Amino acid sequence: MFSVQVTHRVQGAVLALRGELDFDSMVQLQEAGDRELARGRDAGVVVADCARLTFCDSSGIGALLRLWQGLAAQGRPLRLVTVPGSLARLFSLTGLDQVFPGYAGVEQALAVDTGEGAIEGAGLNGPAQSSERQSS
């Protein structure tokens, strides 16, 4: 089972992803992403908290990429937080770690100021990413 809980903060939105993000559940992420995109370019950063994400297949990765593309068109970043080790490894192998900046925690991801409209490319292997993170 998959769920997305959205919390709005001054800096932007936090999407808490829980469960298995796959072909059957990606529509929930797409709907949450569409609502966030409708808030417009001044709505701030979007942080996807992956701490409770137990599985993500190619459909889920595709949904994350579509959200990233939509946000990038608005000049808004998508930042991933506490990415499970197996997904971080997949991102590294495919080069997606250059697309999805990874951060150790929600507060850190919300606090990063990259300037107006900037989309940073820190990647999942930056200082915030722990190489000892194990998948659940």
Protein backbone atom coordinates (compact mmCIF):
# COMPACT_ATOMS: atom_id res chain seq x y z
CA MET A 1 0.00 0.00 0.00
CA PHE A 2 1.22 3.50 -0.88
CA SER A 3 0.29 6.92 0.45
CA VAL A 4 1.40 10.53 0.06
CA GLN A 5 0.91 12.92 2.94
CA VAL A 6 1.37 16.58 1.97
CA THR A 7 2.39 19.21 4.50
CA HIS A 8 2.82 22.84 3.54
CA ARG A 9 5.49 24.99 5.14
CA VAL A 10 6.61 28.57 4.57
CA GLN A 11 9.48 27.36 2.33
CA GLY A 12 7.36 24.93 0.30
CA ALA A 13 5.73 21.52 0.50
CA VAL A 14 6.80 18.20 1.99
CA LEU A 15 5.47 15.04 0.37
CA ALA A 16 5.87 12.13 2.79
CA LEU A 17 5.99 8.97 0.66
CA ARG A 18 5.05 5.71 2.40
CA GLY A 19 4.93 2.17 1.15
CA GLU A 20 5.50 0.82 -2.35
CA LEU A 21 5.67 3.31 -5.23
CA ASP A 22 4.93 1.27 -8.34
CA PHE A 23 2.72 1.17 -11.44
CA ASP A 24 -0.45 0.70 -9.41
CA SER A 25 0.26 3.47 -6.88
CA MET A 26 2.10 6.13 -8.90
CA VAL A 27 -1.20 7.88 -9.66
CA GLN A 28 -1.30 9.01 -6.02
CA LEU A 29 2.09 10.72 -6.41
CA GLN A 30 1.01 12.22 -9.74
CA GLU A 31 -2.16 13.65 -8.20
CA ALA A 32 -0.25 15.15 -5.27
CA GLY A 33 2.32 16.51 -7.71
CA ASP A 34 -0.38 18.02 -9.93
CA ARG A 35 -1.92 19.79 -6.93
CA GLU A 36 1.50 21.12 -6.00
CA LEU A 37 2.19 22.30 -9.55
CA ALA A 38 -1.17 24.11 -9.53
CA ARG A 39 0.07 26.21 -6.60
CA GLY A 40 2.44 27.89 -9.05
CA ARG A 41 6.01 29.02 -9.31
CA ASP A 42 5.99 31.07 -6.10
CA ALA A 43 4.97 28.14 -3.89
CA GLY A 44 8.58 27.21 -3.07
CA VAL A 45 10.56 24.02 -2.90
CA VAL A 46 9.06 20.53 -2.94
CA VAL A 47 10.67 17.95 -0.67
CA ALA A 48 9.90 14.26 -1.15
CA ASP A 49 10.54 12.51 2.16
CA CYS A 50 11.42 8.92 1.25
CA ALA A 51 12.14 7.68 4.78
CA ARG A 52 9.17 5.31 4.70
CA LEU A 53 9.35 4.39 1.02
CA THR A 54 9.81 0.62 1.01
CA PHE A 55 9.93 0.02 -2.76
CA CYS A 56 10.13 2.04 -5.96
CA ASP A 57 10.03 0.57 -9.47
CA SER A 58 10.59 2.23 -12.83
CA SER A 59 7.03 3.57 -12.86
CA GLY A 60 7.65 5.30 -9.55
CA ILE A 61 10.92 6.73 -10.82
CA GLY A 62 9.07 7.95 -13.91
CA ALA A 63 6.50 9.69 -11.71
CA LEU A 64 9.30 11.40 -9.75
CA LEU A 65 10.92 12.49 -13.02
CA ARG A 66 7.65 13.94 -14.33
CA LEU A 67 7.19 15.87 -11.08
CA TRP A 68 10.79 17.13 -11.31
CA GLN A 69 10.22 18.26 -14.90
CA GLY A 70 7.02 20.11 -14.03
CA LEU A 71 8.63 21.82 -11.07
CA ALA A 72 11.75 22.69 -13.08
CA ALA A 73 9.52 24.39 -15.66
CA GLN A 74 8.27 26.59 -12.81
CA GLY A 75 11.80 27.21 -11.53
CA ARG A 76 11.13 25.13 -8.41
CA PRO A 77 13.42 22.40 -7.08
CA LEU A 78 12.47 18.85 -6.09
CA ARG A 79 14.65 17.61 -3.25
CA LEU A 80 14.66 14.01 -2.03
CA VAL A 81 15.18 13.24 1.65
CA THR A 82 16.35 10.01 3.33
CA VAL A 83 16.39 7.98 0.12
CA PRO A 84 16.57 4.23 0.85
CA GLY A 85 19.96 2.70 0.02
CA SER A 86 18.67 0.50 -2.81
CA LEU A 87 17.03 3.46 -4.55
CA ALA A 88 20.06 5.70 -4.00
CA ARG A 89 22.22 3.01 -5.59
CA LEU A 90 19.89 2.80 -8.59
CA PHE A 91 19.98 6.59 -8.94
CA SER A 92 23.77 6.47 -8.83
CA LEU A 93 24.01 3.72 -11.47
CA THR A 94 21.64 5.51 -13.84
CA GLY A 95 22.95 9.05 -13.31
CA LEU A 96 19.70 10.18 -11.69
CA ASP A 97 21.68 11.19 -8.62
CA GLN A 98 22.59 14.26 -10.71
CA VAL A 99 18.89 15.02 -11.24
CA PHE A 100 17.56 14.43 -7.73
CA PRO A 101 19.50 16.27 -5.03
CA GLY A 102 19.49 14.19 -1.86
CA TYR A 103 19.42 15.53 1.68
CA ALA A 104 19.71 13.96 5.12
CA GLY A 105 16.55 15.54 6.51
CA VAL A 106 13.48 17.61 5.72
CA GLU A 107 14.65 20.68 7.61
CA GLN A 108 17.98 20.68 5.78
CA ALA A 109 16.26 20.35 2.40
CA LEU A 110 13.87 23.17 3.18
CA ALA A 111 16.65 25.42 4.47
CA VAL A 112 18.91 25.22 1.41
CA ASP A 113 18.89 28.51 -0.47
CA THR A 114 20.17 28.17 -4.02
CA GLY A 115 18.90 31.51 -5.26
CA GLU A 116 15.77 32.42 -7.15
CA GLY A 117 14.65 29.76 -9.60
CA ALA A 118 17.81 27.68 -9.28
CA ILE A 119 17.66 23.91 -9.59
CA GLU A 120 20.69 22.52 -7.84
CA GLY A 121 22.45 19.35 -8.92
CA ALA A 122 24.10 18.31 -5.68
CA GLY A 123 23.15 14.70 -6.26
CA LEU A 124 22.55 11.92 -3.79
CA ASN A 125 26.23 11.43 -3.15
CA GLY A 126 26.73 14.90 -1.66
CA PRO A 127 27.63 15.46 1.97
CA ALA A 128 24.04 14.93 3.15
CA GLN A 129 23.82 11.38 1.82
CA SER A 130 24.98 8.69 4.19
CA SER A 131 26.67 5.74 2.52
CA GLU A 132 25.63 3.61 5.49
CA ARG A 133 21.88 4.06 4.88
CA GLN A 134 20.25 0.66 4.71
CA SER A 135 16.98 -0.17 3.02
CA SER A 136 14.17 -1.32 5.29
